[in-house]
Amino acid sequence: MSTSDSSPPSAPATTPPGRRGLIAFSWVWVGAPLAYGLYELVRKATQLFTG
């Protein structure tokens, strides 16, 4: 048994050009609310602990 027989098939290294925009939009769709939520968390925690 060789090591190449037991390894899983590798995924393609490149993303199709039509999907890049969708992937970028998805990251913004999730990342923007997450960033805003973290900002609000830090702001309110600062108010809580500093008075």
N, C-alpha and C. Protein backbone atom coordinates (compact mmCIF):
# COMPACT_ATOMS: atom_id res chain seq x y z
N MET A 1 0.85 -1.18 0.00
CA MET A 1 0.00 0.00 0.00
C MET A 1 0.89 1.24 0.00
N SER A 2 0.69 2.09 -0.96
CA SER A 2 1.47 3.31 -1.03
C SER A 2 0.70 4.46 -0.38
N THR A 3 1.40 5.56 -0.10
CA THR A 3 0.75 6.69 0.57
C THR A 3 -0.22 7.40 -0.35
N SER A 4 -0.03 7.32 -1.65
CA SER A 4 -0.95 8.00 -2.57
C SER A 4 -2.29 7.30 -2.64
N ASP A 5 -2.35 6.01 -2.30
CA ASP A 5 -3.62 5.29 -2.33
C ASP A 5 -4.53 5.66 -1.16
N SER A 6 -3.96 6.03 -0.03
CA SER A 6 -4.77 6.32 1.16
C SER A 6 -5.10 7.80 1.32
N SER A 7 -4.52 8.67 0.54
CA SER A 7 -4.79 10.09 0.69
C SER A 7 -6.07 10.47 -0.05
N PRO A 8 -6.84 11.42 0.51
CA PRO A 8 -8.07 11.84 -0.15
C PRO A 8 -7.76 12.65 -1.41
N PRO A 9 -8.67 12.68 -2.35
CA PRO A 9 -8.43 13.47 -3.56
C PRO A 9 -8.36 14.95 -3.21
N SER A 10 -7.49 15.66 -3.88
CA SER A 10 -7.32 17.08 -3.57
C SER A 10 -8.35 17.91 -4.33
N ALA A 11 -8.73 19.03 -3.75
CA ALA A 11 -9.68 19.94 -4.37
C ALA A 11 -8.96 20.77 -5.43
N PRO A 12 -9.69 21.29 -6.40
CA PRO A 12 -9.04 22.14 -7.40
C PRO A 12 -8.44 23.38 -6.75
N ALA A 13 -7.30 23.81 -7.25
CA ALA A 13 -6.57 24.92 -6.65
C ALA A 13 -7.19 26.27 -6.97
N THR A 14 -7.92 26.36 -8.07
CA THR A 14 -8.47 27.65 -8.47
C THR A 14 -9.98 27.64 -8.37
N THR A 15 -10.56 28.82 -8.19
CA THR A 15 -12.00 29.00 -8.13
C THR A 15 -12.48 29.48 -9.49
N PRO A 16 -13.58 28.97 -9.99
CA PRO A 16 -14.09 29.47 -11.27
C PRO A 16 -14.35 30.98 -11.19
N PRO A 17 -14.08 31.71 -12.25
CA PRO A 17 -14.22 33.18 -12.21
C PRO A 17 -15.62 33.66 -11.83
N GLY A 18 -16.65 32.95 -12.20
CA GLY A 18 -18.01 33.38 -11.89
C GLY A 18 -18.34 33.28 -10.41
N ARG A 19 -17.60 32.48 -9.68
CA ARG A 19 -17.87 32.28 -8.25
C ARG A 19 -17.11 33.24 -7.36
N ARG A 20 -16.11 33.91 -7.87
CA ARG A 20 -15.31 34.81 -7.03
C ARG A 20 -16.15 35.95 -6.47
N GLY A 21 -17.01 36.51 -7.27
CA GLY A 21 -17.87 37.58 -6.79
C GLY A 21 -18.83 37.10 -5.72
N LEU A 22 -19.37 35.90 -5.91
CA LEU A 22 -20.27 35.32 -4.93
C LEU A 22 -19.55 35.04 -3.62
N ILE A 23 -18.34 34.55 -3.70
CA ILE A 23 -17.56 34.28 -2.49
C ILE A 23 -17.24 35.58 -1.77
N ALA A 24 -16.84 36.61 -2.50
CA ALA A 24 -16.54 37.90 -1.88
C ALA A 24 -17.80 38.48 -1.23
N PHE A 25 -18.93 38.39 -1.92
CA PHE A 25 -20.19 38.90 -1.37
C PHE A 25 -20.56 38.13 -0.10
N SER A 26 -20.35 36.83 -0.12
CA SER A 26 -20.67 36.02 1.06
C SER A 26 -19.82 36.41 2.26
N TRP A 27 -18.53 36.66 2.03
CA TRP A 27 -17.66 37.09 3.12
C TRP A 27 -18.11 38.43 3.69
N VAL A 28 -18.51 39.35 2.83
CA VAL A 28 -18.99 40.65 3.30
C VAL A 28 -20.32 40.49 4.03
N TRP A 29 -21.21 39.64 3.51
CA TRP A 29 -22.52 39.39 4.11
C TRP A 29 -22.40 38.89 5.54
N VAL A 30 -21.41 38.07 5.80
CA VAL A 30 -21.20 37.53 7.14
C VAL A 30 -20.25 38.42 7.94
N GLY A 31 -19.23 38.92 7.31
CA GLY A 31 -18.18 39.68 8.01
C GLY A 31 -18.62 41.04 8.52
N ALA A 32 -19.45 41.74 7.77
CA ALA A 32 -19.87 43.08 8.18
C ALA A 32 -20.69 43.05 9.47
N PRO A 33 -21.73 42.22 9.57
CA PRO A 33 -22.46 42.17 10.85
C PRO A 33 -21.59 41.65 12.00
N LEU A 34 -20.71 40.72 11.70
CA LEU A 34 -19.81 40.20 12.74
C LEU A 34 -18.90 41.31 13.25
N ALA A 35 -18.32 42.09 12.35
CA ALA A 35 -17.45 43.19 12.75
C ALA A 35 -18.22 44.23 13.56
N TYR A 36 -19.44 44.55 13.12
CA TYR A 36 -20.26 45.51 13.86
C TYR A 36 -20.61 44.98 15.25
N GLY A 37 -20.94 43.72 15.34
CA GLY A 37 -21.26 43.12 16.63
C GLY A 37 -20.08 43.13 17.57
N LEU A 38 -18.90 42.83 17.06
CA LEU A 38 -17.70 42.87 17.90
C LEU A 38 -17.40 44.30 18.34
N TYR A 39 -17.60 45.26 17.45
CA TYR A 39 -17.39 46.66 17.80
C TYR A 39 -18.33 47.07 18.94
N GLU A 40 -19.61 46.73 18.80
CA GLU A 40 -20.57 47.07 19.85
C GLU A 40 -20.25 46.36 21.15
N LEU A 41 -19.81 45.11 21.09
CA LEU A 41 -19.43 44.37 22.29
C LEU A 41 -18.30 45.07 23.02
N VAL A 42 -17.27 45.46 22.31
CA VAL A 42 -16.13 46.13 22.94
C VAL A 42 -16.56 47.48 23.50
N ARG A 43 -17.39 48.21 22.76
CA ARG A 43 -17.84 49.53 23.21
C ARG A 43 -18.66 49.41 24.50
N LYS A 44 -19.58 48.46 24.55
CA LYS A 44 -20.42 48.32 25.74
C LYS A 44 -19.67 47.71 26.90
N ALA A 45 -18.73 46.81 26.63
CA ALA A 45 -17.92 46.26 27.72
C ALA A 45 -17.04 47.34 28.31
N THR A 46 -16.54 48.24 27.48
CA THR A 46 -15.74 49.35 27.98
C THR A 46 -16.59 50.25 28.88
N GLN A 47 -17.80 50.54 28.46
CA GLN A 47 -18.69 51.35 29.30
C GLN A 47 -19.02 50.64 30.61
N LEU A 48 -19.20 49.35 30.55
CA LEU A 48 -19.55 48.59 31.76
C LEU A 48 -18.43 48.62 32.79
N PHE A 49 -17.19 48.46 32.33
CA PHE A 49 -16.08 48.35 33.27
C PHE A 49 -15.43 49.68 33.62
N THR A 50 -15.69 50.75 32.85
CA THR A 50 -15.08 52.03 33.17
C THR A 50 -16.08 53.00 33.80
N GLY A 51 -17.33 52.67 33.81
CA GLY A 51 -18.29 53.52 34.49
C GLY A 51 -19.17 54.14 33.54
